[in-house]
Amino acid sequence: MPIYEYECLDCGKHCEMIQKFSDEPLDTCPDCGGHMHKLISHTSFILKGTGWYVTDYASSERKKAKESEATPSTKVDTKSEPKKETKAGASVGT
């Protein structure tokens, strides 16, 4: 069952009540008998990790967009030519 927060407009007291969804909201303050209204409070539910946003899902369009956003300094060249090795002390032309 959810916890609802209320505030009394007369005395300013805050209180929390555990109520069913089907229960009527509180009207009167349990301390002074004044008018109560329901507050909107922050939730303790937090989405963490990957997979919660549209940008986290791999798609061909997203991959193309990500590649086009990359600057030349961040791109990795996958084509590499083999380097020619020379032995130290060997004569080049005899």
Protein backbone atom coordinates (compact mmCIF):
# COMPACT_ATOMS: atom_id res chain seq x y z
CA MET A 1 0.00 0.00 0.00
CA PRO A 2 1.31 3.49 -0.80
CA ILE A 3 2.26 6.10 1.75
CA TYR A 4 0.57 9.48 1.26
CA GLU A 5 1.74 12.78 2.75
CA TYR A 6 -0.75 15.36 4.01
CA GLU A 7 -0.43 18.90 5.31
CA CYS A 8 -2.88 20.75 7.54
CA LEU A 9 -3.73 24.22 6.24
CA ASP A 10 -4.58 25.48 9.74
CA CYS A 11 -1.78 24.22 12.01
CA GLY A 12 0.81 23.37 9.27
CA LYS A 13 1.40 19.83 10.57
CA HIS A 14 2.73 17.23 8.09
CA CYS A 15 1.72 13.60 8.45
CA GLU A 16 2.14 10.38 6.49
CA MET A 17 -0.65 7.85 6.11
CA ILE A 18 -0.61 4.35 4.65
CA GLN A 19 -3.77 4.03 2.57
CA LYS A 20 -5.21 1.82 -0.13
CA PHE A 21 -5.70 3.25 -3.60
CA SER A 22 -9.44 2.96 -3.08
CA ASP A 23 -9.43 4.88 0.27
CA GLU A 24 -10.77 8.43 0.35
CA PRO A 25 -8.15 11.14 1.03
CA LEU A 26 -8.03 12.66 4.50
CA ASP A 27 -10.14 15.80 5.01
CA THR A 28 -9.56 16.78 8.62
CA CYS A 29 -6.39 17.08 10.69
CA PRO A 30 -6.18 14.49 13.49
CA ASP A 31 -4.66 17.14 15.85
CA CYS A 32 -6.59 20.39 15.32
CA GLY A 33 -9.52 19.35 13.08
CA GLY A 34 -8.41 21.76 10.30
CA HIS A 35 -8.53 21.11 6.56
CA MET A 36 -5.89 18.68 5.20
CA HIS A 37 -4.62 18.47 1.62
CA LYS A 38 -2.51 15.79 -0.05
CA LEU A 39 1.09 16.62 -0.95
CA ILE A 40 3.04 15.37 -3.93
CA SER A 41 6.29 13.85 -2.72
CA HIS A 42 9.38 12.48 -4.43
CA THR A 43 9.52 8.79 -5.16
CA SER A 44 12.28 6.50 -3.95
CA PHE A 45 12.15 4.55 -7.21
CA ILE A 46 15.24 5.29 -9.32
CA LEU A 47 16.09 3.76 -12.69
CA LYS A 48 19.81 2.99 -12.84
CA GLY A 49 21.97 1.23 -15.36
CA THR A 50 21.68 0.80 -19.09
CA GLY A 51 18.60 -0.09 -21.06
CA TRP A 52 16.23 2.50 -19.60
CA TYR A 53 16.55 5.09 -22.34
CA VAL A 54 15.96 4.98 -26.09
CA THR A 55 19.61 5.86 -26.68
CA ASP A 56 20.74 2.77 -24.77
CA TYR A 57 19.28 0.32 -27.26
CA ALA A 58 21.44 -0.69 -30.18
CA SER A 59 19.90 -0.04 -33.58
CA SER A 60 21.42 0.42 -37.00
CA GLU A 61 20.23 4.06 -37.15
CA ARG A 62 21.75 4.80 -33.74
CA LYS A 63 25.06 3.20 -34.71
CA LYS A 64 25.21 5.27 -37.92
CA ALA A 65 24.42 8.45 -36.02
CA LYS A 66 27.08 7.69 -33.43
CA GLU A 67 29.69 7.02 -36.13
CA SER A 68 28.88 10.26 -37.94
CA GLU A 69 29.18 12.24 -34.69
CA ALA A 70 32.68 10.93 -34.03
CA THR A 71 35.54 13.28 -34.83
CA PRO A 72 38.59 12.12 -36.79
CA SER A 73 40.70 12.12 -33.63
CA THR A 74 38.33 9.68 -31.93
CA LYS A 75 37.91 7.30 -34.84
CA VAL A 76 40.08 4.22 -34.75
CA ASP A 77 41.62 3.14 -38.04
CA THR A 78 41.07 -0.59 -38.35
CA LYS A 79 43.21 -0.92 -41.47
CA SER A 80 46.83 -1.27 -40.53
CA GLU A 81 49.63 -2.13 -42.88
CA PRO A 82 52.25 -4.59 -41.69
CA LYS A 83 55.52 -2.87 -40.83
CA LYS A 84 58.68 -3.98 -42.58
CA GLU A 85 61.29 -4.99 -40.12
CA THR A 86 64.98 -4.58 -40.76
CA LYS A 87 67.64 -6.37 -38.84
CA ALA A 88 70.11 -4.20 -37.04
CA GLY A 89 73.60 -4.30 -38.54
CA ALA A 90 72.52 -5.85 -41.88
CA SER A 91 73.87 -4.20 -44.99
CA VAL A 92 71.24 -2.80 -47.30
CA GLY A 93 73.01 -2.93 -50.63
CA THR A 94 76.07 -5.10 -51.34
